[in-house]
Structures are given as structure tokens and as C-alpha cells.
Amino acid sequence: MPDPRTLGGFTLTRLLGEGGMGRVYLGRNRAGVQAAVKVVRADLAGDPEFRARFGHEIEAATRVRSPYTAALLAADAAADPPWMATEYVPAPSLRDAVSLHGPMPPEQVRLLGVGLADALAAIHAAGIVHRDLKPANVLLGPDGPRVIDFGIARAADATMLTRTGAVVGTPGFIAPEQITHARSAPPGDVFALGGVLAYAATGRPPFGTGDVNALLYRTVHAEPDLAGVPEPLAGIVRRCLDRDPERRPSTAEVRAALSAGPEDRPGAGWLPATLTPTPTRPVVREPRWRVLAAAVGVLVVLALAGGVSYLALRPTSSPDPTPTAAPPVTSATTAPPTTTTTTTTAPPTTSDVQVATEATGFSSPSGNIACYLSPNSVRCDIAQATWDPSTVPNRPAGCQGVWGDALEVTGSDRPDFVCHGDTVFGTGPILDYGRSLRVGDVTCASRQTGVECRVGASGHGFSLSRTTYQFF
């Protein structure tokens, strides 16, 4: 089934991600409001019971009011396919941030816990149990965390349990009672909150990783590994992860344990640019939270400077004329750039090549470049507030001073600038220097001099750094 281009008054510009319940797209309505539009997958959409449950959950989700949740903007459980649109938060998930930058400093973990406790309190007050709170469902916004994906979990949960009797949730964060009795209630979300805070503080899940069955067994029978969680955080995290739901604290008790009062909460500047990295275990990457904080603030800085550039490549042999990883052209293009350079650069030859089977992203170790690859296209963004105009191809007039510039290459055509209003920063882990990533026919290499990407079938590609572009 092809990706939709419009849904419920939203124009869908690109794929943000894909999970067990469906696909999520970046959408924009006529008023210019951006939204994360989740489209329910076909097998769930074909179940009348799911649609009924989904409709009830949507109604409940409209009652959730919290600065730390992504607000529900619109939804339609009767549509084909069912969908829901929530506030789009241009920020990395906790999972991606920890993967890129290592464990969070204790003060940020504390503030994270306060925000998540407030979010869960609002969700529970609306009669909803999240059921799948995990690092991927927590976004690190510039003014506090945002919990996403509530309002659909129960409908999918009940449908899958009815069909298969399987446990629904994320191993390592799902509560023991959900595993043993398929019982979901607010204490299960508190258990997941404890796991999320342990992950933020240590960079690893409290019950380890590996085989799913082993994870589920350890969750039910073993004690969580909280080594590295600093006091006093460790005390409340341990209480949240109690196997007995009756002994776990309420969200109000979690908040009281973490905060100095009702006004103590995450807000603007909770991820300052001068964070002091915390020491990590030897196997964990050195934290780069200063880079994350800068990336969180890039919306404001680059909107003024007009300094983000986007590139997208599509080979002539592509069977899909509208690949989801490359946003559509939104403005007229100009004549072929006069400052581009034709080169005979060889394809990436690094020996360490990672191969992915699905569209995925990465960031360079410097934090300046981020790319998103699909099997037949690639787009790279660069965070650069200023640029030597002699090294940058001509922009269309409409791109001057906007949030982002982009380059799009199709087949043998020369690159042209187009304008876009989003970013691919935060869509994947760091790709170390000297390593390459391949998705389908596209390969990108990360080097100290920048990033180079190439479409194998056509041989066309580009390299980019903070000082120059090259096209070939």
C-alpha cells in the first residue's frame, strides 16, 4: 500500500518512523501547524473491535492536559485507515539522545522524572493507562520532556491480546503484572517510569538486553540493575521498580520525591548548553550533552541564520517516484548551481560498513551533520549558522532566511535547491568516522572531513562539510 500524501487535512511530507502500531508521518495543515500523524497498520484497521476501542481512547486522549504530553490535535477512528495527529515536537527521543550522547547528568534525570510524573498524572486523570512508556516514547523538548503515543496503546493492546494471548509492551520496561496476568493499570506505568529513569541515568535498561524471553523472566524474577544510578534518584527508582504494584509509589509520590515543590519542574533551559558530562561505564560513549542542547536550540538559531542545508538523492531507476525519506519539492528551483564542483570521487571504501534493511538515520560524531537514508534516496542536513557564500550553490529567492535549505538530485540532473521546514537531526545514532552505512542502493561514509553519500545505480552523490559542498 503506497504512503498517503494527505490525511484529514494534513499534507504528509515525510516518514518520521514506523512501529508496531503503524507508521508516523510529518504533516502540516493549511494553517501551517505541524503534526506527527500516526496511520494505523492494515491488520489493526481491519478489526471492528479495534476501531471501537480506538475511538474511545481518542475521546479520552482529548481530555489530557499537560505541558509534558504531546497534545492530540485531530483523529478519525472511522477513516480508512484510522489515524491520529498529535503535536509535533522537533526534538530527539530519550532513546536516541542517550544512544548519541551517553547517560544524562543527575540533575537532568531528576527534572526528567518530575516532568514524566506530571505527564503520567494527567494521562491517568483522563482515564488512560499508557501501557508502553519507554525511552522511544519520551521526547526531549527544549522546555521539558514530552510523552507520546498515549491514546492508542490500549486499543492495540486489547486487540492483540484477544487475537494471540501475547504480552503487549516493550520488554525491559513492561511491568511484571502485565507479563504474568496481562493486567494494565497506573502502577504499571510507574514501573515503566522507573525503568526510563534508570535508562536515562545509566545508558542501559534496568533488566539488561538480549533475548526477549530472558528479559521477561528477569523482569518477573530478578532485581533491577541500578548500578550507576546516583542517590537520591536510586531510592525512588528502586521503589518504582518494585515487583509488587501495591508497593509502588503513586505519580504524586514520585514527583514529591524528586522535586522541591510544585514550582520545581523542567522548563526552558532544562538542557543548557554548558552541561557537565557525567562519567560513563567504559563500554558507553563519552556523553555529548552540550551537542544535544545545541541541537535542541537549532530551531531558533538556524531559523534566523538560514543555515541548514538539505540534500536528497534519487536514482533514475527508482520504482517509487515519491520515496518517503525525501520531502517533496515545495518551491520553484533555479538554474543549475554555478558553484558546484564535478569530481571523480570514488565510492566509500571504508571496511566497516553497516547494512540496514529499512530506512534509518545517523549523525556525524561532530554533531553538525545528520542524514536519513532509504533504499533509493538520502537526505543530509547540516547545522551551520554561517556559511562562506562562495562555497554554497545558488539558492532560490524563496529559500533565503527560512528555516532550512535543501538540495534535491534526481537521476542525472544537476542539484537544485528547494525549501523545507523540518530536520532529520535526532533520527539515528552516531556513525563513527571511518564507518559507512548502506541502505539498499545508497551508501554514506562518515569522515573527519565530512559526510559522503552515493546512489550506487547512478553513481551520483554528494559530499558536504561545514565549509563546502561537492556534487558528482
Protein backbone atom coordinates (compact mmCIF):
# COMPACT_ATOMS: atom_id res chain seq x y z
CA MET A 1 0.00 0.00 0.00
CA PRO A 2 1.55 3.34 -1.04
CA ASP A 3 2.19 6.04 1.52
CA PRO A 4 -0.65 8.58 1.67
CA ARG A 5 0.12 12.14 0.62
CA THR A 6 -2.74 13.80 2.53
CA LEU A 7 -4.83 12.71 5.50
CA GLY A 8 -7.51 14.56 7.45
CA GLY A 9 -6.47 17.97 6.19
CA PHE A 10 -2.75 17.30 6.75
CA THR A 11 -0.24 17.17 3.90
CA LEU A 12 2.26 14.43 4.74
CA THR A 13 5.81 15.49 3.88
CA ARG A 14 7.97 12.62 5.10
CA LEU A 15 8.12 9.45 7.16
CA LEU A 16 9.19 10.01 10.76
CA GLY A 17 9.19 6.39 11.88
CA GLU A 18 7.48 3.03 11.95
CA GLY A 19 6.45 0.86 14.89
CA GLY A 20 4.22 -1.99 15.93
CA MET A 21 1.02 0.02 15.55
CA GLY A 22 1.69 1.77 12.26
CA ARG A 23 3.65 4.49 10.51
CA VAL A 24 4.18 8.07 11.67
CA TYR A 25 4.50 10.94 9.19
CA LEU A 26 5.33 14.61 9.50
CA GLY A 27 2.23 16.53 8.42
CA ARG A 28 1.25 20.16 8.01
CA ASN A 29 -2.26 21.62 7.82
CA ARG A 30 -3.39 24.68 5.88
CA ALA A 31 -2.68 26.92 8.87
CA GLY A 32 0.95 25.75 8.82
CA VAL A 33 0.66 23.72 12.03
CA GLN A 34 2.97 20.70 12.05
CA ALA A 35 1.80 17.38 13.44
CA ALA A 36 3.02 13.83 13.90
CA VAL A 37 0.36 11.84 12.03
CA LYS A 38 0.15 8.17 13.02
CA VAL A 39 -1.52 5.89 10.48
CA VAL A 40 -2.73 2.58 11.92
CA ARG A 41 -1.46 -0.53 10.19
CA ALA A 42 -3.82 -2.53 7.98
CA ASP A 43 -4.39 -5.62 10.16
CA LEU A 44 -5.48 -3.48 13.11
CA ALA A 45 -7.53 -1.18 10.89
CA GLY A 46 -9.48 -4.19 9.63
CA ASP A 47 -10.67 -5.14 13.12
CA PRO A 48 -14.01 -3.52 14.07
CA GLU A 49 -13.28 -4.03 17.78
CA PHE A 50 -10.01 -2.14 17.42
CA ARG A 51 -11.78 0.78 15.74
CA ALA A 52 -14.32 0.94 18.55
CA ARG A 53 -11.61 0.87 21.23
CA PHE A 54 -9.51 3.36 19.30
CA GLY A 55 -12.45 5.75 19.15
CA HIS A 56 -12.91 5.55 22.93
CA GLU A 57 -9.20 6.12 23.53
CA ILE A 58 -9.17 9.13 21.20
CA GLU A 59 -12.05 10.65 23.14
CA ALA A 60 -10.20 10.12 26.41
CA ALA A 61 -6.91 11.49 25.00
CA THR A 62 -8.57 14.81 24.15
CA ARG A 63 -9.03 15.34 27.90
CA VAL A 64 -5.31 15.07 28.69
CA ARG A 65 -3.89 18.47 29.61
CA SER A 66 -0.20 18.64 30.46
CA PRO A 67 2.79 20.65 29.22
CA TYR A 68 4.67 17.34 29.20
CA THR A 69 2.50 15.41 26.76
CA ALA A 70 2.16 15.81 23.00
CA ALA A 71 -1.38 17.16 22.61
CA LEU A 72 -3.87 15.33 20.40
CA LEU A 73 -4.79 17.67 17.52
CA ALA A 74 -7.15 15.54 15.44
CA ALA A 75 -8.07 11.91 14.80
CA ASP A 76 -10.53 9.67 12.95
CA ALA A 77 -11.13 6.11 14.10
CA ALA A 78 -13.64 5.50 11.29
CA ALA A 79 -11.32 6.56 8.46
CA ASP A 80 -9.64 4.11 6.12
CA PRO A 81 -7.03 3.82 7.53
CA PRO A 82 -7.64 5.13 11.08
CA TRP A 83 -5.26 7.91 12.07
CA MET A 84 -4.43 10.38 14.79
CA ALA A 85 -2.43 13.62 14.67
CA THR A 86 -0.55 14.88 17.70
CA GLU A 87 1.61 17.90 18.38
CA TYR A 88 4.93 17.61 16.53
CA VAL A 89 7.89 18.10 18.84
CA PRO A 90 11.11 18.68 16.82
CA ALA A 91 13.34 17.03 19.40
CA PRO A 92 15.22 13.73 19.82
CA SER A 93 13.75 10.86 21.79
CA LEU A 94 15.39 9.87 25.05
CA ARG A 95 16.48 6.63 23.38
CA ASP A 96 18.26 8.46 20.55
CA ALA A 97 19.73 11.11 22.84
CA VAL A 98 21.26 8.55 25.20
CA SER A 99 22.47 6.49 22.25
CA LEU A 100 24.21 9.55 20.79
CA HIS A 101 25.40 11.34 23.93
CA GLY A 102 25.54 8.83 26.76
CA PRO A 103 23.77 8.95 30.15
CA MET A 104 22.13 12.17 31.28
CA PRO A 105 23.60 14.14 34.20
CA PRO A 106 21.76 13.59 37.52
CA GLU A 107 20.05 16.99 37.58
CA GLN A 108 18.58 16.43 34.13
CA VAL A 109 17.42 12.93 35.15
CA ARG A 110 15.71 14.48 38.19
CA LEU A 111 13.92 17.08 36.07
CA LEU A 112 13.04 14.39 33.53
CA GLY A 113 11.39 12.39 36.33
CA VAL A 114 9.39 15.40 37.53
CA GLY A 115 8.09 16.06 34.01
CA LEU A 116 7.23 12.42 33.36
CA ALA A 117 5.45 12.09 36.70
CA ASP A 118 3.34 15.15 35.82
CA ALA A 119 2.62 13.71 32.36
CA LEU A 120 1.52 10.34 33.73
CA ALA A 121 -0.65 12.03 36.36
CA ALA A 122 -2.50 13.91 33.60
CA ILE A 123 -2.83 10.76 31.46
CA HIS A 124 -4.20 8.74 34.38
CA ALA A 125 -6.60 11.54 35.35
CA ALA A 126 -8.13 11.23 31.87
CA GLY A 127 -8.79 7.53 32.47
CA ILE A 128 -5.91 6.34 30.28
CA VAL A 129 -3.10 3.93 31.07
CA HIS A 130 -0.17 4.45 28.72
CA ARG A 131 0.97 0.78 28.74
CA ASP A 132 4.11 1.42 26.67
CA LEU A 133 6.14 4.16 28.34
CA LYS A 134 9.73 3.69 27.16
CA PRO A 135 12.70 5.85 26.09
CA ALA A 136 11.49 5.95 22.47
CA ASN A 137 8.17 7.44 23.63
CA VAL A 138 9.80 10.31 25.54
CA LEU A 139 10.92 13.34 23.52
CA LEU A 140 13.42 15.81 24.99
CA GLY A 141 11.83 19.12 24.11
CA PRO A 142 13.62 22.43 24.73
CA ASP A 143 11.17 23.30 27.54
CA GLY A 144 10.76 19.84 29.06
CA PRO A 145 10.09 16.23 28.12
CA ARG A 146 7.03 15.17 26.12
CA VAL A 147 5.31 11.78 26.46
CA ILE A 148 3.90 10.49 23.17
CA ASP A 149 1.81 7.55 21.95
CA PHE A 150 -0.83 7.52 24.67
CA GLY A 151 -4.40 7.13 23.40
CA ILE A 152 -3.66 4.26 21.01
CA ALA A 153 -1.90 1.77 23.27
CA ARG A 154 -4.98 0.34 24.96
CA ALA A 155 -6.89 -0.21 21.72
CA ALA A 156 -3.99 -2.08 20.11
CA ASP A 157 -3.18 -3.84 23.39
CA ALA A 158 -6.65 -5.30 23.83
CA THR A 159 -6.94 -6.28 20.17
CA MET A 160 -3.62 -8.15 20.09
CA LEU A 161 -4.32 -9.88 23.39
CA THR A 162 -7.71 -11.03 22.10
CA ARG A 163 -6.13 -12.45 18.96
CA THR A 164 -2.95 -14.03 20.23
CA GLY A 165 -2.90 -14.02 24.04
CA ALA A 166 0.56 -12.47 23.76
CA VAL A 167 2.06 -9.90 26.09
CA VAL A 168 1.95 -6.42 24.56
CA GLY A 169 4.58 -3.89 25.58
CA THR A 170 8.31 -3.32 25.43
CA PRO A 171 10.44 -5.97 27.18
CA GLY A 172 12.68 -4.36 29.75
CA PHE A 173 10.12 -1.68 30.65
CA ILE A 174 6.85 -3.63 30.83
CA ALA A 175 5.63 -4.33 34.39
CA PRO A 176 5.66 -7.88 35.83
CA GLU A 177 1.87 -7.99 36.21
CA GLN A 178 1.48 -7.22 32.52
CA ILE A 179 3.69 -10.20 31.76
CA THR A 180 2.10 -12.69 34.16
CA HIS A 181 -1.55 -11.60 34.18
CA ALA A 182 -1.88 -9.18 31.23
CA ARG A 183 -3.08 -6.61 33.78
CA SER A 184 -2.53 -2.95 32.88
CA ALA A 185 -3.13 -0.19 35.43
CA PRO A 186 -1.45 3.06 36.54
CA PRO A 187 1.13 1.22 38.72
CA GLY A 188 2.38 -0.45 35.54
CA ASP A 189 3.17 2.98 34.10
CA VAL A 190 5.02 3.86 37.31
CA PHE A 191 7.12 0.71 36.87
CA ALA A 192 7.96 1.81 33.33
CA LEU A 193 8.80 5.29 34.64
CA GLY A 194 11.38 3.73 36.96
CA GLY A 195 12.89 1.87 34.03
CA VAL A 196 13.03 5.01 31.91
CA LEU A 197 14.82 6.98 34.65
CA ALA A 198 17.30 4.14 35.19
CA TYR A 199 18.00 4.12 31.44
CA ALA A 200 18.48 7.89 31.37
CA ALA A 201 20.93 7.75 34.30
CA THR A 202 23.00 4.75 33.17
CA GLY A 203 22.51 4.37 29.43
CA ARG A 204 21.13 0.83 29.78
CA PRO A 205 17.77 -0.79 30.62
CA PRO A 206 17.47 -1.98 34.25
CA PHE A 207 16.86 -5.61 33.24
CA GLY A 208 19.54 -5.79 30.58
CA THR A 209 19.25 -6.59 26.90
CA GLY A 210 19.14 -9.67 24.72
CA ASP A 211 16.61 -12.44 24.21
CA VAL A 212 13.01 -11.34 24.79
CA ASN A 213 12.13 -14.36 26.91
CA ALA A 214 15.19 -13.77 29.10
CA LEU A 215 14.21 -10.12 29.54
CA LEU A 216 10.68 -11.06 30.56
CA TYR A 217 11.97 -13.69 33.00
CA ARG A 218 14.39 -11.23 34.63
CA THR A 219 11.63 -8.62 34.92
CA VAL A 220 9.41 -11.07 36.83
CA HIS A 221 12.05 -12.83 38.95
CA ALA A 222 15.25 -10.73 39.19
CA GLU A 223 16.20 -7.46 40.83
CA PRO A 224 16.87 -4.50 38.52
CA ASP A 225 20.46 -3.48 37.88
CA LEU A 226 20.66 0.07 39.26
CA ALA A 227 24.45 0.33 39.44
CA GLY A 228 25.37 3.85 38.41
CA VAL A 229 22.06 5.45 39.36
CA PRO A 230 23.09 8.19 41.82
CA GLU A 231 21.37 8.83 45.13
CA PRO A 232 18.82 10.09 45.91
CA LEU A 233 17.48 9.10 42.47
CA ALA A 234 18.24 5.43 43.10
CA GLY A 235 15.83 5.26 46.04
CA ILE A 236 12.72 6.37 44.16
CA VAL A 237 13.71 4.42 41.04
CA ARG A 238 14.02 1.25 43.14
CA ARG A 239 10.56 1.84 44.61
CA CYS A 240 9.06 2.35 41.13
CA LEU A 241 10.57 -0.98 40.01
CA ASP A 242 9.12 -2.98 42.90
CA ARG A 243 7.63 -6.22 41.57
CA ASP A 244 4.52 -5.74 43.73
CA PRO A 245 2.32 -2.99 42.20
CA GLU A 246 0.79 -2.31 45.62
CA ARG A 247 4.16 -1.19 46.97
CA ARG A 248 5.00 1.20 44.14
CA PRO A 249 4.62 4.93 44.72
CA SER A 250 1.93 6.99 43.02
CA THR A 251 2.89 9.57 40.42
CA ALA A 252 2.35 12.26 43.09
CA GLU A 253 4.77 10.48 45.42
CA VAL A 254 7.34 10.18 42.64
CA ARG A 255 7.07 13.89 41.97
CA ALA A 256 7.36 14.76 45.66
CA ALA A 257 10.48 12.61 45.99
CA LEU A 258 12.16 14.30 43.03
CA SER A 259 11.15 17.94 43.41
CA ALA A 260 11.49 20.71 45.96
CA GLY A 261 7.90 21.88 45.47
CA PRO A 262 5.08 22.40 42.97
CA GLU A 263 7.03 25.06 41.06
CA ASP A 264 10.11 22.87 40.68
CA ARG A 265 9.73 21.47 37.19
CA PRO A 266 11.56 21.30 33.86
CA GLY A 267 11.21 24.37 31.67
CA ALA A 268 13.13 26.47 29.20
CA GLY A 269 16.85 25.86 29.67
CA TRP A 270 16.49 22.49 31.38
CA LEU A 271 19.05 21.23 28.83
CA PRO A 272 21.59 24.10 28.95
CA ALA A 273 24.47 24.27 26.52
CA THR A 274 27.04 24.13 29.33
CA LEU A 275 26.06 20.78 30.86
CA THR A 276 28.86 18.91 32.58
CA PRO A 277 29.04 15.36 31.18
CA THR A 278 28.82 12.57 33.74
CA PRO A 279 31.37 9.75 33.74
CA THR A 280 30.15 6.67 31.92
CA ARG A 281 30.88 2.98 32.06
CA PRO A 282 33.82 2.02 29.82
CA VAL A 283 31.53 0.48 27.20
CA VAL A 284 29.41 3.62 26.84
CA ARG A 285 30.23 6.53 24.53
CA GLU A 286 31.50 9.68 26.23
CA PRO A 287 28.45 11.93 26.79
CA ARG A 288 27.94 14.80 24.36
CA TRP A 289 25.08 16.63 26.06
CA ARG A 290 26.42 20.01 25.03
CA VAL A 291 25.88 18.96 21.42
CA LEU A 292 22.34 17.77 22.21
CA ALA A 293 21.47 21.05 23.88
CA ALA A 294 22.77 22.93 20.84
CA ALA A 295 20.70 20.71 18.56
CA VAL A 296 17.58 21.33 20.65
CA GLY A 297 18.12 25.07 20.18
CA VAL A 298 18.89 24.82 16.48
CA LEU A 299 15.29 25.64 15.53
CA VAL A 300 15.69 29.19 16.78
CA VAL A 301 19.30 29.80 15.79
CA LEU A 302 19.05 28.47 12.26
CA ALA A 303 15.66 29.98 11.59
CA LEU A 304 17.39 33.34 11.90
CA ALA A 305 20.57 32.38 10.13
CA GLY A 306 19.08 30.33 7.31
CA GLY A 307 21.99 27.96 7.72
CA VAL A 308 20.65 24.41 7.49
CA SER A 309 21.06 22.65 4.16
CA TYR A 310 19.21 19.56 2.98
CA LEU A 311 20.24 17.18 0.23
CA ALA A 312 18.23 14.35 -1.32
CA LEU A 313 19.29 11.87 -3.97
CA ARG A 314 17.11 9.62 -6.09
CA PRO A 315 18.40 7.29 -8.84
CA THR A 316 16.74 7.20 -12.25
CA SER A 317 15.95 3.52 -11.82
CA SER A 318 13.84 4.10 -8.70
CA PRO A 319 10.47 2.29 -8.98
CA ASP A 320 8.95 4.67 -6.43
CA PRO A 321 8.51 8.23 -7.78
CA THR A 322 7.83 9.63 -4.30
CA PRO A 323 10.14 7.99 -1.77
CA THR A 324 9.08 8.81 1.76
CA ALA A 325 12.54 9.73 3.04
CA ALA A 326 12.86 12.67 0.65
CA PRO A 327 10.38 15.55 1.22
CA PRO A 328 8.52 16.87 -1.83
CA VAL A 329 9.71 19.99 -3.63
CA THR A 330 7.88 22.94 -2.12
CA SER A 331 9.28 25.82 -4.16
CA ALA A 332 10.45 26.56 -7.65
CA THR A 333 14.01 25.63 -8.44
CA THR A 334 16.66 27.75 -10.09
CA ALA A 335 19.14 27.12 -12.85
CA PRO A 336 21.89 24.59 -12.15
CA PRO A 337 24.12 25.88 -9.35
CA THR A 338 27.13 27.74 -10.61
CA THR A 339 29.40 26.97 -7.68
CA THR A 340 29.10 23.19 -7.64
CA THR A 341 32.15 21.11 -8.38
CA THR A 342 32.20 17.97 -10.52
CA THR A 343 34.55 15.40 -9.07
CA THR A 344 35.63 11.83 -9.67
CA THR A 345 35.48 10.84 -6.02
CA ALA A 346 35.46 7.08 -5.59
CA PRO A 347 32.60 5.39 -3.75
CA PRO A 348 33.04 4.98 0.00
CA THR A 349 35.61 2.25 0.60
CA THR A 350 35.68 2.01 4.39
CA SER A 351 35.97 -1.58 5.52
CA ASP A 352 33.47 -1.21 8.31
CA VAL A 353 30.12 -0.98 6.50
CA GLN A 354 26.86 -1.28 8.44
CA VAL A 355 23.92 -2.56 6.42
CA ALA A 356 20.33 -1.68 7.35
CA THR A 357 17.25 -3.25 5.79
CA GLU A 358 14.94 -0.30 6.48
CA ALA A 359 15.14 3.46 6.21
CA THR A 360 17.28 4.84 9.01
CA GLY A 361 19.27 7.88 10.04
CA PHE A 362 22.60 8.81 11.62
CA SER A 363 24.56 11.80 12.87
CA SER A 364 28.24 12.56 12.42
CA PRO A 365 30.48 12.48 15.53
CA SER A 366 30.82 16.27 15.33
CA GLY A 367 27.06 16.67 15.63
CA ASN A 368 26.98 19.07 12.65
CA ILE A 369 25.60 16.69 10.03
CA ALA A 370 22.62 14.33 10.11
CA CYS A 371 21.42 12.08 7.29
CA TYR A 372 18.36 9.93 6.62
CA LEU A 373 18.71 7.03 4.16
CA SER A 374 16.07 4.96 2.40
CA PRO A 375 16.77 2.22 -0.17
CA ASN A 376 16.71 4.73 -3.05
CA SER A 377 17.33 8.18 -1.58
CA VAL A 378 19.30 10.07 1.03
CA ARG A 379 18.95 13.46 2.61
CA CYS A 380 21.57 15.16 4.76
CA ASP A 381 21.08 18.25 6.94
CA ILE A 382 23.87 20.42 8.28
CA ALA A 383 23.75 22.67 11.34
CA GLN A 384 25.87 25.66 10.39
CA ALA A 385 24.87 29.14 11.47
CA THR A 386 27.16 30.91 8.99
CA TRP A 387 28.48 29.87 5.61
CA ASP A 388 31.01 31.22 3.14
CA PRO A 389 28.71 32.16 0.22
CA SER A 390 31.44 31.30 -2.28
CA THR A 391 31.16 27.61 -1.35
CA VAL A 392 27.36 27.29 -1.49
CA PRO A 393 25.33 26.85 -4.71
CA ASN A 394 22.76 29.49 -5.58
CA ARG A 395 19.56 29.37 -3.55
CA PRO A 396 16.10 30.23 -4.92
CA ALA A 397 14.94 33.58 -3.61
CA GLY A 398 12.23 31.90 -1.53
CA CYS A 399 14.83 29.95 0.47
CA GLN A 400 16.70 32.95 1.78
CA GLY A 401 16.48 33.22 5.54
CA VAL A 402 13.97 30.40 6.04
CA TRP A 403 14.35 27.52 8.50
CA GLY A 404 16.14 25.26 6.06
CA ASP A 405 17.63 25.00 2.60
CA ALA A 406 17.67 21.72 0.70
CA LEU A 407 19.28 20.20 -2.33
CA GLU A 408 17.49 17.59 -4.39
CA VAL A 409 19.14 15.45 -7.06
CA THR A 410 17.13 13.18 -9.36
CA GLY A 411 18.84 10.84 -11.79
CA SER A 412 21.43 12.66 -13.88
CA ASP A 413 20.05 16.14 -13.14
CA ARG A 414 22.19 18.76 -11.55
CA PRO A 415 21.30 19.69 -7.95
CA ASP A 416 18.68 22.34 -7.32
CA PHE A 417 17.76 23.99 -4.06
CA VAL A 418 14.31 23.51 -2.57
CA CYS A 419 12.90 24.74 0.75
CA HIS A 420 11.76 22.60 3.66
CA GLY A 421 10.72 23.32 7.23
CA ASP A 422 11.84 20.26 9.19
CA THR A 423 15.01 18.44 10.19
CA VAL A 424 16.41 14.91 10.27
CA PHE A 425 18.54 15.57 13.35
CA GLY A 426 17.76 13.05 16.08
CA THR A 427 16.67 10.23 13.73
CA GLY A 428 19.54 7.84 14.43
CA PRO A 429 22.75 7.05 16.32
CA ILE A 430 26.25 8.38 15.67
CA LEU A 431 28.15 6.92 12.73
CA ASP A 432 31.82 7.00 13.75
CA TYR A 433 34.49 8.36 11.46
CA GLY A 434 35.74 5.74 9.02
CA ARG A 435 32.47 3.82 9.03
CA SER A 436 29.80 3.60 6.34
CA LEU A 437 26.06 2.92 6.38
CA ARG A 438 24.27 1.23 3.48
CA VAL A 439 20.51 1.07 2.92
CA GLY A 440 19.51 -0.59 -0.35
CA ASP A 441 21.37 1.20 -3.16
CA VAL A 442 22.52 4.13 -1.03
CA THR A 443 25.80 4.29 0.91
CA CYS A 444 27.02 7.09 3.16
CA ALA A 445 30.52 7.33 4.67
CA SER A 446 31.36 9.35 7.78
CA ARG A 447 34.79 11.01 7.68
CA GLN A 448 36.60 13.67 9.64
CA THR A 449 36.31 15.89 6.56
CA GLY A 450 32.51 15.45 6.38
CA VAL A 451 29.95 13.01 5.01
CA GLU A 452 29.86 11.49 1.53
CA CYS A 453 26.78 9.73 0.11
CA ARG A 454 26.29 7.96 -3.21
CA VAL A 455 23.50 6.21 -5.10
CA GLY A 456 25.13 3.10 -6.49
CA ALA A 457 23.00 2.56 -9.58
CA SER A 458 23.53 6.06 -10.98
CA GLY A 459 26.90 6.88 -9.42
CA HIS A 460 25.57 10.29 -8.44
CA GLY A 461 26.13 11.65 -4.98
CA PHE A 462 27.50 14.44 -2.89
CA SER A 463 29.91 15.26 -0.11
CA LEU A 464 29.39 18.00 2.42
CA SER A 465 31.15 19.57 5.36
CA ARG A 466 30.94 22.83 7.26
CA THR A 467 32.92 24.57 4.53
CA THR A 468 31.87 23.14 1.18
CA TYR A 469 29.56 21.04 -1.00
CA GLN A 470 30.68 18.81 -3.85
CA PHE A 471 28.42 17.07 -6.37
CA PHE A 472 29.31 14.20 -8.65
